[in-house]
Structure formats: structure tokens, C-alpha cells
Amino acid sequence: MDAKTGKRRDTVLLSLVLVALAFAVLVAERFPFRLDLTRDRAYSLSKVSKDLATNLPDRLRITYYRSPALAARHPGPGAIEDFLREFEALGRGRISVTFDNPDAKAGAVEALGIRPQSMQVVEKNERRVAVVYSGIVLEYRGRTESLPFVLGTEALEYDLVKAARRLVQDRKPLAALLVGDTDKSFENDYRSVKEALEASGWSVSPLVPGQEIPPGTDVLLVLGNSGIDDYAAYRIDAYLASGGNALFAVRGVDVEARETLSAHPLSNDAMLKALASYGVSLRPALLLDAASLTVPFQEMAQGGGLAVRYVRYPHWVVVRPENTDRAHPLTRSLAGLDLFWPSPLELAAPGGVKATPLIRTSANAWLQTKDFAIAPEESADYAKERDATAGRYLLAATLEGRLPMAYAGKPLPSREGAAPLPPLPAEAQASRILIVSSADFANDLMTMTDSLFNAAFVANGAEWLASGDELAALRARGGRDTRLARIDDPARRDLAVFSAYLVNLVLVPGGLALFGILRARNRRRAGKENAHEHSQGGSDR
């Protein structure tokens, strides 16, 4: 083949490639698509969205209000626009999406629930604070729901689906929160959980033990158990028998932490006995784990006054993703979980009930079954039973099916001054429960350790209990524990810290300095050689 023919062939191939690229661009413009390579498909529309769009009885209108100043300076609004266009395409005419500039009608937009934010901008070398908007309003049959401020797509699909469901059903799902420990209160100890639930679209109704569970309750949260008697446990048993779903954050050992740190096992606990009849038992022991938090404790200094001492505290267990059920929607993308003074769970599900172990300790866990040492000054006694009880233990589980009624065939419990209890249903309906063996993991102790993903886990659990696997997976995906707490062994952690200092403070600066010295020396040597060659050339001439 001569050169002329080869050149003609190359020209034809180049033309075909250009035509193919132009065709691909046209197809992408007409039929947009997204390639999602994330582990949990965080940027792909789920089956939940597709089902919602297919089954909408009427048109859903979505308006995205975003300020041009924000869109010009942040990638979030552009990603949100792309996402909403894809969401609109699912509806095939049932969903319409419009984009609007709210800056000229701030009052009307804020009346719809859109929340302004302040942003620093620089224009013509002058710094100023601009008020910007990036919120979404959904409208359906004259009713509206708003997402007050959105700046990313990580949780956008879940928020849109939940808001659309509230509009279509014309109600918010109801979570009844029962505070089951006598030393806790809804107002003082569960603000984080309340905020997480409300941010996820729930109405939250507080309960005290023994109070009637409101009709229409979608999920019951039983947070604590030391103050639940048979009268209150019967109410819960009847709710589950009628097909209700519940999350239990319970304790096997009661811990006094308000004034002095002390602990004692719970005996004859009504809620724990009821749970055992369902197929899950909580041992009256404390679980300790090498995968744990470092906790600041105040103590008296030698010279007087208070001093803060940081203690590796194995009673506060850190849950790692590798110790969870990665197939379950609740733990598939678990961001993290910190359990305070947990106890070991044991499963013995009755026939027809599906039991799923959800979360376990690391392999370096052990128990305290007696002489509970939990104060920082007792750290020498933490590991007394370690050799005899070392192993991996269960921390959380789910049960699904027709649970046995704990009070079936027993006399109705009574309480002085309280209304008589109604009889149990003739037959138990299918229900779901989620059990976590730490009553304190759900209270505001989580704010002390930056463990707010605990509140997110409660909200995710409520979603799974009430709505099933798909929406719960959508709610949970994309989360990450960003804390630098991956190494449990103290010696390995110290080595990692030393290595980080060595690399960042010695090797990197030293390497750069050595590189500069060598480069300067090579340049001087090259300069001398050039000068020598130049002088030699002059001598030869």
C-alpha cells in the first residue's frame, strides 16, 4: 500500500470517528444518562422513585428556586437541576419541573418554606454578603411541601420521595417515642433523635410508660426500659400484636451516670421478659470492646481543682462496617454507630419469625458479668474477665413475622389509678421489630462524642420498620463516618501517629530539601562542565 492510499484511509477513519462522536453527543442531548460507579448507587434513581412516578394519581409540580449568584459559584445547583430533569423524565407527564429565580420575590418564596442562606461573594475586588436561595417546593392538588435548602444530591431523592408521599397521602407518618427510663425525659434527653426524625418527615409524639399508643402510629420507638412495668409492656405487646412496628433501645445493666458512675444488672424487667418471648434475650452483662471510644473524664488534680483525663473506654463500643450485615438495607451503608454500655443479645426466634443478626462487636470483645467496673479510676479492673469471656457478640438484630404475644393467657396487668387494659387481639398480625442492646445510644449522650449518626440510625430504623427495605436503603445510602478512629489497638494507633508525624514533618520536608540540594549541585556541576568545554573549545581554536 503506497503512502497516498494510507493517507486516504487515515482521513476516512478520522472522519468516521468524528461522525460517531457527533452522533453520541446528539444522542446524549436527546436521551441523557448517568454512569453511577458508587458502591451504594448513590446517584441512581431507585425503584422507589420509579414506582412513585408510575403510580401518581395526579400531576406533581416541582419548582426549584435557586439564586443565580449561588449557581455561578457552586456546583450543587447544577447537579440538582440535572437530577430534577431526570426525576421529571420518570413521570412521563405526571411530574413537571420548573426552575425559577427567587431573588426578586424573596417574601413570597420564603412564605412557601424556602430558607435563605448567607454567602460571602467577591465582586470587583469588594467582599460582601449575599442572601441566596436553593430550595424546592412540591405542589400536589393544592397542597405544598418544601425542602427549605438543598445544596447537593446525596439525600435529595429520599427527601423528594418522602415529601411527595406526604402530599399524595395528605399526612405525615407518626413516630411515637416512649421514654422508658425513669431518669430520662423527652424534652431533655432526646432532642437529637427528635430533630433527626422531623428532618426525615416524621411527626413525633412523646409517650410515657403505660400511656395509650396513639391510633395511626406508624412506628413505636421504645428508648430505655428500666422504668417499664407490666402495665406499660402490655400496651407495647398489644400494639405489636395488632401489626405495629417498633424499635427497642434497651439495657441489660442499669448505669447511673448523672453523679457517680456505677452499674447493677436489671432483674425481673418486664420489657426484657416480653422481648425474650418474641425470641431475643438481653443478658445482664456489660459488653466491652477494643474497638471503643476515647472519653474525657474530669477528676481532681493533685494540686486541687479539676483536671481532664482522656481514657480509652471499652464500655463505649464503636461499630465497624465489617462487623455488620452488609446485605441489610439498614447496615449496607452504615455511616457509624457508637453504643454506650451495651449488653450482649441472644436470638432464639420462634417458628414463623425471621431473625436477622444485624450488628456485632469486633473479635476483641469481652464481658463484665459481675463486679461492674465502669468508672475511669477502675480502669485496672476493666479486663478482669477478658480471658474467660473473649469473643464476638451480637449487638443488634431484627425480627419479622407473627411474634408470640408475651401476655397471651396471662391476667391483665393493672396499675393503681390507671384505666383497665383492653384485651389482646385474638390473633397476632405480622410485625417488625429492631432491637439495639444499648438504651443510651439513642439519647443526647451522642452529642458528647460526635456520634450524631446514632440519631440518623434511629431515623433509618423507623423508615425500615414503617416502609420496608427499599425506602430505608434510600434513606441510609451515602453516609460515611468521617472520624479518624479506625485503629483500635493502642500500640498500632501510636505507631500510626508516629508514622504520620515522621512522613509529614521529616520525610516530606527533608526529601524536598534534599531534592533542592541535589538539583542545585547538579546545576553547578553542569555549569562548570559547560564552562570547561567552552574554554577547551577556545584553546583548540
Protein backbone atom coordinates (compact mmCIF):
# COMPACT_ATOMS: atom_id res chain seq x y z
CA MET A 1 0.00 0.00 0.00
CA ASP A 2 1.50 3.33 -1.12
CA ALA A 3 1.65 6.48 1.01
CA LYS A 4 -1.23 8.15 -0.84
CA THR A 5 -3.62 5.23 -0.15
CA GLY A 6 -2.59 5.09 3.52
CA LYS A 7 -3.21 8.80 3.91
CA ARG A 8 -6.67 8.46 2.32
CA ARG A 9 -7.53 5.59 4.69
CA ASP A 10 -6.46 7.61 7.76
CA THR A 11 -8.62 10.52 6.60
CA VAL A 12 -11.66 8.25 6.20
CA LEU A 13 -11.13 6.70 9.67
CA LEU A 14 -10.76 10.12 11.26
CA SER A 15 -13.97 11.30 9.58
CA LEU A 16 -15.87 8.25 10.83
CA VAL A 17 -14.62 8.82 14.39
CA LEU A 18 -15.72 12.46 14.27
CA VAL A 19 -19.15 11.48 12.92
CA ALA A 20 -19.53 8.86 15.66
CA LEU A 21 -18.60 11.40 18.35
CA ALA A 22 -21.06 13.95 16.96
CA PHE A 23 -23.80 11.28 16.89
CA ALA A 24 -23.00 10.30 20.51
CA VAL A 25 -23.30 13.93 21.61
CA LEU A 26 -26.67 14.27 19.87
CA VAL A 27 -27.95 11.06 21.47
CA ALA A 28 -26.75 12.18 24.90
CA GLU A 29 -28.53 15.51 24.48
CA ARG A 30 -31.76 13.77 23.46
CA PHE A 31 -31.51 10.82 25.87
CA PRO A 32 -29.41 11.85 28.89
CA PHE A 33 -27.97 9.16 31.13
CA ARG A 34 -25.72 8.94 34.18
CA LEU A 35 -23.00 6.38 34.81
CA ASP A 36 -23.02 5.65 38.54
CA LEU A 37 -19.97 3.76 39.82
CA THR A 38 -20.53 4.43 43.54
CA ARG A 39 -20.72 1.41 45.83
CA ASP A 40 -24.29 2.07 47.00
CA ARG A 41 -25.62 3.57 43.72
CA ALA A 42 -25.94 6.95 45.47
CA TYR A 43 -26.55 8.83 42.20
CA SER A 44 -29.02 6.50 40.51
CA LEU A 45 -32.79 6.82 40.72
CA SER A 46 -34.19 3.88 42.65
CA LYS A 47 -37.19 1.63 42.13
CA VAL A 48 -38.98 3.63 44.85
CA SER A 49 -38.86 6.75 42.68
CA LYS A 50 -39.93 4.84 39.59
CA ASP A 51 -42.91 3.33 41.41
CA LEU A 52 -43.91 6.72 42.77
CA ALA A 53 -43.74 8.34 39.33
CA THR A 54 -45.71 5.49 37.73
CA ASN A 55 -48.48 5.45 40.32
CA LEU A 56 -49.11 9.17 40.83
CA PRO A 57 -52.89 9.73 40.52
CA ASP A 58 -52.40 13.38 39.54
CA ARG A 59 -49.71 15.75 38.34
CA LEU A 60 -46.89 16.58 40.78
CA ARG A 61 -45.34 20.00 40.21
CA ILE A 62 -41.80 20.68 41.39
CA THR A 63 -40.25 24.15 41.41
CA TYR A 64 -36.56 24.65 42.13
CA TYR A 65 -35.78 28.15 43.39
CA ARG A 66 -32.06 28.89 43.09
CA SER A 67 -30.22 32.18 43.12
CA PRO A 68 -28.01 32.89 40.07
CA ALA A 69 -25.22 34.09 42.37
CA LEU A 70 -25.12 30.70 44.07
CA ALA A 71 -25.42 28.72 40.82
CA ALA A 72 -22.47 30.67 39.38
CA ARG A 73 -20.21 29.87 42.33
CA HIS A 74 -21.19 26.39 43.49
CA PRO A 75 -21.63 23.09 41.57
CA GLY A 76 -24.58 21.99 43.73
CA PRO A 77 -27.41 23.80 41.89
CA GLY A 78 -26.27 22.42 38.54
CA ALA A 79 -26.23 18.86 39.88
CA ILE A 80 -29.68 19.40 41.42
CA GLU A 81 -31.06 20.67 38.09
CA ASP A 82 -29.73 17.59 36.29
CA PHE A 83 -31.22 15.33 38.94
CA LEU A 84 -34.63 17.01 38.77
CA ARG A 85 -34.71 16.73 34.97
CA GLU A 86 -34.05 13.01 35.32
CA PHE A 87 -36.75 12.77 38.00
CA GLU A 88 -39.16 14.59 35.68
CA ALA A 89 -38.43 12.14 32.87
CA LEU A 90 -39.57 9.26 35.11
CA GLY A 91 -43.06 10.71 35.36
CA ARG A 92 -43.81 10.67 31.63
CA GLY A 93 -46.02 13.72 32.04
CA ARG A 94 -47.08 13.11 35.66
CA ILE A 95 -44.18 15.18 37.03
CA SER A 96 -43.32 18.70 35.85
CA VAL A 97 -40.20 20.57 36.94
CA THR A 98 -39.57 24.30 36.59
CA PHE A 99 -36.63 26.46 37.62
CA ASP A 100 -37.11 29.95 38.99
CA ASN A 101 -35.03 32.88 40.25
CA PRO A 102 -36.28 33.77 43.74
CA ASP A 103 -34.23 36.92 44.26
CA ALA A 104 -36.92 39.32 43.04
CA LYS A 105 -39.71 37.71 45.11
CA ALA A 106 -37.98 36.73 48.33
CA GLY A 107 -41.03 37.28 50.54
CA ALA A 108 -43.31 35.04 48.51
CA VAL A 109 -40.66 32.33 48.26
CA GLU A 110 -39.97 32.35 51.99
CA ALA A 111 -43.72 32.08 52.61
CA LEU A 112 -43.54 28.74 50.77
CA GLY A 113 -40.97 27.46 53.27
CA ILE A 114 -37.75 28.21 51.37
CA ARG A 115 -34.99 29.27 53.75
CA PRO A 116 -32.43 31.97 52.80
CA GLN A 117 -28.73 31.50 53.43
CA SER A 118 -25.88 34.00 53.63
CA MET A 119 -22.88 33.62 51.33
CA GLN A 120 -19.75 35.72 51.02
CA VAL A 121 -19.03 36.86 47.45
CA VAL A 122 -16.29 38.97 45.91
CA GLU A 123 -17.21 41.33 43.08
CA LYS A 124 -14.91 44.00 41.64
CA ASN A 125 -12.40 43.36 44.44
CA GLU A 126 -15.07 44.03 47.06
CA ARG A 127 -16.23 41.42 49.57
CA ARG A 128 -19.91 41.41 50.52
CA VAL A 129 -22.52 39.08 51.98
CA ALA A 130 -25.23 37.92 49.59
CA VAL A 131 -28.54 36.28 50.51
CA VAL A 132 -29.07 33.20 48.34
CA TYR A 133 -31.74 30.51 47.91
CA SER A 134 -31.61 26.89 46.83
CA GLY A 135 -34.89 25.29 47.83
CA ILE A 136 -37.54 23.07 46.29
CA VAL A 137 -41.33 23.34 46.51
CA LEU A 138 -43.59 20.40 45.62
CA GLU A 139 -47.26 21.03 44.79
CA TYR A 140 -49.99 18.41 44.50
CA ARG A 141 -53.74 19.05 44.38
CA GLY A 142 -53.35 22.44 46.03
CA ARG A 143 -51.13 21.15 48.85
CA THR A 144 -47.45 22.07 49.12
CA GLU A 145 -44.32 20.67 50.75
CA SER A 146 -40.93 22.36 50.75
CA LEU A 147 -37.29 21.34 51.01
CA PRO A 148 -36.06 24.60 52.58
CA PHE A 149 -32.41 24.47 51.47
CA VAL A 150 -30.72 21.86 49.27
CA LEU A 151 -27.13 22.05 48.08
CA GLY A 152 -26.39 18.51 46.92
CA THR A 153 -28.00 15.36 45.58
CA GLU A 154 -26.82 12.90 48.24
CA ALA A 155 -30.16 12.81 50.10
CA LEU A 156 -32.28 14.58 47.51
CA GLU A 157 -34.07 11.51 46.14
CA TYR A 158 -35.15 10.36 49.59
CA ASP A 159 -36.33 13.85 50.54
CA LEU A 160 -38.30 14.20 47.29
CA VAL A 161 -39.95 10.80 47.62
CA LYS A 162 -40.90 11.37 51.26
CA ALA A 163 -42.31 14.84 50.50
CA ALA A 164 -44.27 13.52 47.53
CA ARG A 165 -45.70 10.67 49.60
CA ARG A 166 -46.82 13.10 52.30
CA LEU A 167 -48.58 15.17 49.67
CA VAL A 168 -50.29 12.21 48.00
CA GLN A 169 -51.37 10.63 51.31
CA ASP A 170 -52.13 14.05 52.84
CA ARG A 171 -50.47 13.10 56.15
CA LYS A 172 -47.11 12.83 57.86
CA PRO A 173 -46.06 9.42 59.21
CA LEU A 174 -46.28 9.29 63.00
CA ALA A 175 -43.47 8.09 65.28
CA ALA A 176 -44.46 7.61 68.93
CA LEU A 177 -41.40 7.99 71.18
CA LEU A 178 -41.72 6.22 74.51
CA VAL A 179 -39.10 7.24 77.09
CA GLY A 180 -38.65 4.05 79.09
CA ASP A 181 -36.02 5.12 81.65
CA THR A 182 -37.18 6.95 84.77
CA ASP A 183 -34.14 9.26 84.83
CA LYS A 184 -34.69 10.48 81.23
CA SER A 185 -37.20 12.84 79.66
CA PHE A 186 -38.27 13.56 76.10
CA GLU A 187 -37.52 17.29 76.40
CA ASN A 188 -34.06 16.99 77.98
CA ASP A 189 -32.56 13.80 76.58
CA TYR A 190 -33.86 13.07 73.09
CA ARG A 191 -33.53 16.31 71.14
CA SER A 192 -31.11 14.79 68.60
CA VAL A 193 -33.42 11.89 67.76
CA LYS A 194 -36.43 14.20 67.58
CA GLU A 195 -34.61 16.51 65.16
CA ALA A 196 -33.43 13.60 63.00
CA LEU A 197 -36.95 12.19 62.77
CA GLU A 198 -38.54 15.54 61.97
CA ALA A 199 -35.87 16.24 59.35
CA SER A 200 -36.86 12.92 57.75
CA GLY A 201 -40.52 13.97 57.54
CA TRP A 202 -41.91 12.34 60.69
CA SER A 203 -44.36 13.72 63.22
CA VAL A 204 -43.06 12.82 66.69
CA SER A 205 -45.40 12.16 69.62
CA PRO A 206 -43.79 11.66 73.07
CA LEU A 207 -45.16 8.96 75.39
CA VAL A 208 -44.62 7.93 78.99
CA PRO A 209 -44.72 4.26 80.04
CA GLY A 210 -48.27 2.99 80.24
CA GLN A 211 -49.78 5.71 78.08
CA GLU A 212 -52.06 4.51 75.28
CA ILE A 213 -50.22 4.34 71.97
CA PRO A 214 -51.94 6.82 69.60
CA PRO A 215 -54.07 5.33 66.80
CA GLY A 216 -52.34 5.64 63.45
CA THR A 217 -48.84 5.28 64.91
CA ASP A 218 -46.59 4.09 62.10
CA VAL A 219 -43.66 3.16 64.33
CA LEU A 220 -43.11 2.97 68.09
CA LEU A 221 -39.69 3.88 69.49
CA VAL A 222 -39.07 2.36 72.92
CA LEU A 223 -35.96 4.16 74.20
CA GLY A 224 -34.96 2.67 77.53
CA ASN A 225 -36.65 0.02 79.63
CA SER A 226 -35.71 0.37 83.30
CA GLY A 227 -38.97 2.27 84.01
CA ILE A 228 -41.35 -0.01 82.08
CA ASP A 229 -43.64 -2.14 84.23
CA ASP A 230 -46.05 -4.89 83.15
CA TYR A 231 -48.82 -2.39 82.51
CA ALA A 232 -46.64 -0.44 80.04
CA ALA A 233 -45.15 -3.60 78.50
CA TYR A 234 -48.68 -4.92 77.88
CA ARG A 235 -49.51 -1.77 75.89
CA ILE A 236 -46.46 -2.41 73.70
CA ASP A 237 -47.29 -6.10 73.34
CA ALA A 238 -50.84 -5.25 72.19
CA TYR A 239 -49.51 -2.70 69.71
CA LEU A 240 -47.18 -5.27 68.13
CA ALA A 241 -49.92 -7.92 68.09
CA SER A 242 -52.11 -5.54 66.09
CA GLY A 243 -49.42 -5.31 63.39
CA GLY A 244 -47.39 -2.42 64.77
CA ASN A 245 -43.65 -1.99 64.28
CA ALA A 246 -41.19 -0.96 66.99
CA LEU A 247 -37.57 -0.06 67.64
CA PHE A 248 -36.21 -1.03 71.04
CA ALA A 249 -33.09 0.59 72.53
CA VAL A 250 -32.80 -1.41 75.74
CA ARG A 251 -30.34 -2.15 78.52
CA GLY A 252 -29.46 -5.29 80.44
CA VAL A 253 -27.45 -3.38 83.06
CA ASP A 254 -28.67 -0.14 84.59
CA VAL A 255 -25.93 2.51 84.64
CA GLU A 256 -26.02 5.50 86.97
CA ALA A 257 -24.07 8.26 85.20
CA ARG A 258 -25.53 11.52 86.49
CA GLU A 259 -23.46 11.82 89.66
CA THR A 260 -21.28 8.75 90.14
CA LEU A 261 -20.54 6.01 87.66
CA SER A 262 -22.00 2.76 88.94
CA ALA A 263 -23.93 -0.15 87.45
CA HIS A 264 -26.17 -3.01 88.51
CA PRO A 265 -27.97 -5.71 86.49
CA LEU A 266 -31.69 -5.38 85.84
CA SER A 267 -33.75 -8.16 87.38
CA ASN A 268 -37.35 -9.09 86.66
CA ASP A 269 -37.54 -6.39 83.95
CA ALA A 270 -40.97 -6.50 82.27
CA MET A 271 -39.79 -5.28 78.86
CA LEU A 272 -36.86 -7.70 78.71
CA LYS A 273 -39.18 -10.61 79.58
CA ALA A 274 -41.53 -9.59 76.78
CA LEU A 275 -38.65 -9.37 74.30
CA ALA A 276 -37.49 -12.83 75.35
CA SER A 277 -40.91 -14.20 74.43
CA TYR A 278 -40.50 -12.69 70.96
CA GLY A 279 -37.19 -14.50 70.51
CA VAL A 280 -34.45 -12.10 71.63
CA SER A 281 -32.81 -12.08 75.07
CA LEU A 282 -30.56 -9.48 76.66
CA ARG A 283 -28.00 -10.84 79.11
CA PRO A 284 -27.47 -8.90 82.38
CA ALA A 285 -23.84 -8.20 81.50
CA LEU A 286 -21.82 -5.34 80.06
CA LEU A 287 -20.03 -5.66 76.74
CA LEU A 288 -16.54 -4.19 76.38
CA ASP A 289 -14.60 -3.99 73.13
CA ALA A 290 -11.14 -2.95 71.98
CA ALA A 291 -12.99 -1.07 69.21
CA SER A 292 -14.06 1.74 71.50
CA LEU A 293 -14.03 5.48 72.08
CA THR A 294 -11.58 7.67 73.93
CA VAL A 295 -13.57 9.62 76.51
CA PRO A 296 -12.65 12.73 78.54
CA PHE A 297 -13.23 12.30 82.27
CA GLN A 298 -12.98 15.00 84.92
CA GLU A 299 -11.05 14.20 88.08
CA MET A 300 -9.47 16.02 90.99
CA ALA A 301 -5.92 17.19 90.30
CA GLN A 302 -3.17 16.72 92.88
CA GLY A 303 -2.86 20.45 93.49
CA GLY A 304 -6.62 20.90 93.75
CA GLY A 305 -9.17 21.77 91.12
CA LEU A 306 -10.40 19.66 88.25
CA ALA A 307 -8.33 18.06 85.52
CA VAL A 308 -9.45 16.30 82.35
CA ARG A 309 -8.02 12.88 81.61
CA TYR A 310 -8.63 11.05 78.34
CA VAL A 311 -9.32 7.35 78.81
CA ARG A 312 -9.74 4.62 76.23
CA TYR A 313 -13.18 3.47 77.36
CA PRO A 314 -14.08 -0.07 76.18
CA HIS A 315 -17.64 0.25 77.56
CA TRP A 316 -18.41 2.66 74.68
CA VAL A 317 -18.24 0.40 71.66
CA VAL A 318 -17.52 1.63 68.15
CA VAL A 319 -19.31 -0.38 65.45
CA ARG A 320 -17.26 -1.02 62.31
CA PRO A 321 -18.84 -1.68 58.88
CA GLU A 322 -17.08 -5.04 58.64
CA ASN A 323 -18.97 -6.19 61.73
CA THR A 324 -22.42 -5.53 60.26
CA ASP A 325 -24.76 -7.33 57.89
CA ARG A 326 -23.81 -5.67 54.59
CA ALA A 327 -26.84 -7.17 52.82
CA HIS A 328 -29.41 -5.49 55.08
CA PRO A 329 -30.62 -2.04 53.99
CA LEU A 330 -30.11 -0.64 57.49
CA THR A 331 -26.43 -1.52 57.64
CA ARG A 332 -25.47 -1.71 53.97
CA SER A 333 -24.14 1.86 54.08
CA LEU A 334 -23.80 2.31 57.82
CA ALA A 335 -22.00 5.59 58.50
CA GLY A 336 -21.08 4.56 62.02
CA LEU A 337 -22.61 3.66 65.35
CA ASP A 338 -21.42 4.18 68.91
CA LEU A 339 -23.08 2.08 71.62
CA PHE A 340 -22.81 3.19 75.24
CA TRP A 341 -22.74 0.43 77.90
CA PRO A 342 -24.27 -2.26 75.64
CA SER A 343 -25.17 -5.79 76.69
CA PRO A 344 -24.99 -8.98 74.59
CA LEU A 345 -28.06 -10.14 72.66
CA GLU A 346 -29.03 -13.75 72.06
CA LEU A 347 -31.50 -14.86 69.38
CA ALA A 348 -33.90 -17.80 69.66
CA ALA A 349 -36.66 -16.92 67.18
CA PRO A 350 -39.84 -19.00 67.39
CA GLY A 351 -41.30 -20.70 64.33
CA GLY A 352 -42.55 -18.38 61.63
CA VAL A 353 -40.39 -15.47 62.84
CA LYS A 354 -37.38 -14.37 60.80
CA ALA A 355 -34.44 -13.27 62.96
CA THR A 356 -31.56 -11.34 61.38
CA PRO A 357 -28.34 -10.63 63.31
CA LEU A 358 -27.51 -7.08 62.29
CA ILE A 359 -24.51 -5.75 64.22
CA ARG A 360 -21.75 -7.50 66.14
CA THR A 361 -18.73 -6.47 68.16
CA SER A 362 -15.20 -6.92 66.91
CA ALA A 363 -13.43 -10.19 67.70
CA ASN A 364 -11.67 -8.40 70.57
CA ALA A 365 -14.71 -8.02 72.81
CA TRP A 366 -15.34 -9.39 76.28
CA LEU A 367 -17.87 -9.24 79.12
CA GLN A 368 -18.29 -7.98 82.64
CA THR A 369 -20.79 -10.28 84.34
CA LYS A 370 -20.15 -9.24 87.94
CA ASP A 371 -18.36 -6.54 89.91
CA PHE A 372 -19.09 -3.99 87.19
CA ALA A 373 -16.12 -1.63 86.91
CA ILE A 374 -17.13 1.35 84.78
CA ALA A 375 -15.52 4.41 86.41
CA PRO A 376 -12.22 5.76 84.98
CA GLU A 377 -10.39 5.15 88.26
CA GLU A 378 -11.37 1.48 87.94
CA SER A 379 -9.67 1.02 84.56
CA ALA A 380 -7.31 -1.59 86.02
CA ASP A 381 -10.35 -3.83 86.60
CA TYR A 382 -11.91 -3.43 83.14
CA ALA A 383 -10.32 -6.61 81.77
CA LYS A 384 -10.71 -8.92 84.80
CA GLU A 385 -12.99 -11.30 82.89
CA ARG A 386 -11.43 -10.79 79.47
CA ASP A 387 -9.67 -14.13 79.14
CA ALA A 388 -12.76 -16.09 80.24
CA THR A 389 -15.29 -14.23 78.08
CA ALA A 390 -13.38 -13.02 74.99
CA GLY A 391 -15.18 -13.35 71.66
CA ARG A 392 -17.58 -11.70 69.23
CA TYR A 393 -21.05 -10.76 70.49
CA LEU A 394 -24.35 -9.65 68.98
CA LEU A 395 -25.36 -6.00 69.49
CA ALA A 396 -28.44 -5.50 67.29
CA ALA A 397 -30.96 -7.66 65.44
CA THR A 398 -34.30 -7.58 63.66
CA LEU A 399 -37.32 -9.85 63.98
CA GLU A 400 -40.08 -10.12 61.35
CA GLY A 401 -43.28 -12.15 61.38
CA ARG A 402 -46.13 -13.01 63.74
CA LEU A 403 -44.50 -12.50 67.10
CA PRO A 404 -45.88 -14.52 70.05
CA MET A 405 -47.96 -12.33 72.36
CA ALA A 406 -46.00 -12.01 75.61
CA TYR A 407 -49.12 -11.58 77.75
CA ALA A 408 -51.38 -14.09 76.00
CA GLY A 409 -53.09 -16.35 78.52
CA LYS A 410 -51.99 -14.20 81.48
CA PRO A 411 -54.09 -11.97 83.75
CA LEU A 412 -54.35 -8.39 82.53
CA PRO A 413 -51.80 -6.20 84.35
CA SER A 414 -53.24 -3.34 86.35
CA ARG A 415 -51.94 -0.08 87.74
CA GLU A 416 -53.45 1.91 90.58
CA GLY A 417 -55.40 4.85 89.21
CA ALA A 418 -54.96 3.78 85.59
CA ALA A 419 -57.66 2.70 83.13
CA PRO A 420 -58.25 -1.04 82.68
CA LEU A 421 -56.35 -2.53 79.75
CA PRO A 422 -58.21 -3.80 76.67
CA PRO A 423 -57.86 -7.49 75.73
CA LEU A 424 -55.21 -8.61 73.28
CA PRO A 425 -56.21 -9.35 69.66
CA ALA A 426 -57.48 -12.86 69.03
CA GLU A 427 -54.56 -13.44 66.66
CA ALA A 428 -51.24 -11.63 66.23
CA GLN A 429 -50.61 -9.80 62.98
CA ALA A 430 -47.24 -9.70 61.21
CA SER A 431 -44.95 -7.02 62.58
CA ARG A 432 -41.31 -5.95 62.65
CA ILE A 433 -39.01 -5.04 65.50
CA LEU A 434 -35.45 -3.72 65.63
CA ILE A 435 -33.51 -4.25 68.87
CA VAL A 436 -30.32 -2.41 69.85
CA SER A 437 -28.71 -3.51 73.11
CA SER A 438 -27.82 -0.01 74.29
CA ALA A 439 -30.53 2.20 75.75
CA ASP A 440 -28.19 5.20 75.91
CA PHE A 441 -27.10 5.13 72.27
CA ALA A 442 -30.30 7.00 71.31
CA ASN A 443 -30.16 9.80 73.88
CA ASP A 444 -28.23 13.05 73.69
CA LEU A 445 -25.11 11.47 75.12
CA MET A 446 -24.26 11.10 71.42
CA THR A 447 -23.54 14.84 71.21
CA MET A 448 -20.64 14.43 73.64
CA THR A 449 -18.83 12.02 71.31
CA ASP A 450 -19.83 13.48 67.92
CA SER A 451 -21.98 10.38 67.35
CA LEU A 452 -24.94 12.06 65.66
CA PHE A 453 -25.04 9.21 63.16
CA ASN A 454 -26.73 7.36 66.03
CA ALA A 455 -29.74 9.65 65.56
CA ALA A 456 -29.58 9.01 61.81
CA PHE A 457 -29.62 5.26 62.51
CA VAL A 458 -32.80 5.66 64.60
CA ALA A 459 -34.43 7.59 61.74
CA ASN A 460 -33.27 4.94 59.27
CA GLY A 461 -34.63 2.22 61.55
CA ALA A 462 -38.00 3.95 61.75
CA GLU A 463 -38.06 4.14 57.95
CA TRP A 464 -37.29 0.44 57.57
CA LEU A 465 -39.87 -0.56 60.14
CA ALA A 466 -42.64 1.51 58.59
CA SER A 467 -41.83 1.47 54.87
CA GLY A 468 -39.77 -1.62 54.11
CA ASP A 469 -36.38 -2.29 52.61
CA GLU A 470 -36.26 -0.02 49.57
CA LEU A 471 -37.01 3.35 51.12
CA ALA A 472 -34.81 2.52 54.13
CA ALA A 473 -31.91 1.73 51.80
CA LEU A 474 -32.53 5.03 50.02
CA ARG A 475 -32.51 6.86 53.36
CA ALA A 476 -29.31 5.20 54.56
CA ARG A 477 -27.12 5.24 51.47
CA GLY A 478 -24.24 7.62 51.02
CA GLY A 479 -23.43 8.06 54.70
CA ARG A 480 -19.86 7.89 55.98
CA ASP A 481 -18.15 8.06 59.35
CA THR A 482 -15.54 10.76 58.76
CA ARG A 483 -13.85 10.49 62.15
CA LEU A 484 -10.26 9.26 62.25
CA ALA A 485 -10.92 6.37 64.61
CA ARG A 486 -10.22 3.29 62.54
CA ILE A 487 -7.34 1.75 64.55
CA ASP A 488 -8.35 0.07 67.79
CA ASP A 489 -5.09 -1.33 69.13
CA PRO A 490 -3.25 1.37 71.17
CA ALA A 491 0.23 0.25 70.05
CA ARG A 492 -0.78 0.28 66.37
CA ARG A 493 -2.51 3.65 66.83
CA ASP A 494 0.64 5.15 68.40
CA LEU A 495 2.70 3.72 65.55
CA ALA A 496 0.32 5.25 63.01
CA VAL A 497 0.52 8.66 64.71
CA PHE A 498 4.32 8.45 64.84
CA SER A 499 4.44 7.42 61.18
CA ALA A 500 2.21 10.34 60.20
CA TYR A 501 4.46 12.79 62.05
CA LEU A 502 7.56 11.17 60.55
CA VAL A 503 6.25 11.37 56.99
CA ASN A 504 4.74 14.87 57.18
CA LEU A 505 7.28 16.63 59.40
CA VAL A 506 10.52 14.84 58.47
CA LEU A 507 10.45 12.77 55.30
CA VAL A 508 8.44 15.12 53.06
CA PRO A 509 10.25 18.36 54.04
CA GLY A 510 13.58 16.55 54.20
CA GLY A 511 13.00 14.96 50.81
CA LEU A 512 12.18 18.33 49.26
CA ALA A 513 15.24 19.90 50.83
CA LEU A 514 17.45 17.03 49.61
CA PHE A 515 15.96 17.31 46.14
CA GLY A 516 16.77 21.05 46.09
CA ILE A 517 20.33 20.46 47.27
CA LEU A 518 20.94 17.74 44.67
CA ARG A 519 19.38 19.80 41.91
CA ALA A 520 21.50 22.85 42.81
CA ARG A 521 24.63 20.71 42.94
CA ASN A 522 23.86 19.17 39.55
CA ARG A 523 23.30 22.61 38.07
CA ARG A 524 26.64 23.86 39.44
CA ARG A 525 28.38 20.77 38.07
CA ALA A 526 26.72 21.21 34.67
CA GLY A 527 27.71 24.88 34.66
CA LYS A 528 31.34 24.03 35.42
CA GLU A 529 31.40 21.37 32.69
CA ASN A 530 29.94 23.80 30.14
CA ALA A 531 32.46 26.43 31.12
CA HIS A 532 35.28 23.90 30.84
CA GLU A 533 34.10 22.74 27.41
CA HIS A 534 33.82 26.36 26.27
CA SER A 535 37.36 27.09 27.41
CA GLN A 536 38.65 23.94 25.74
CA GLY A 537 36.94 24.94 22.50
CA GLY A 538 38.62 28.35 22.65
CA SER A 539 42.02 26.73 23.21
CA ASP A 540 41.56 24.45 20.23
CA ARG A 541 40.83 27.39 18.00
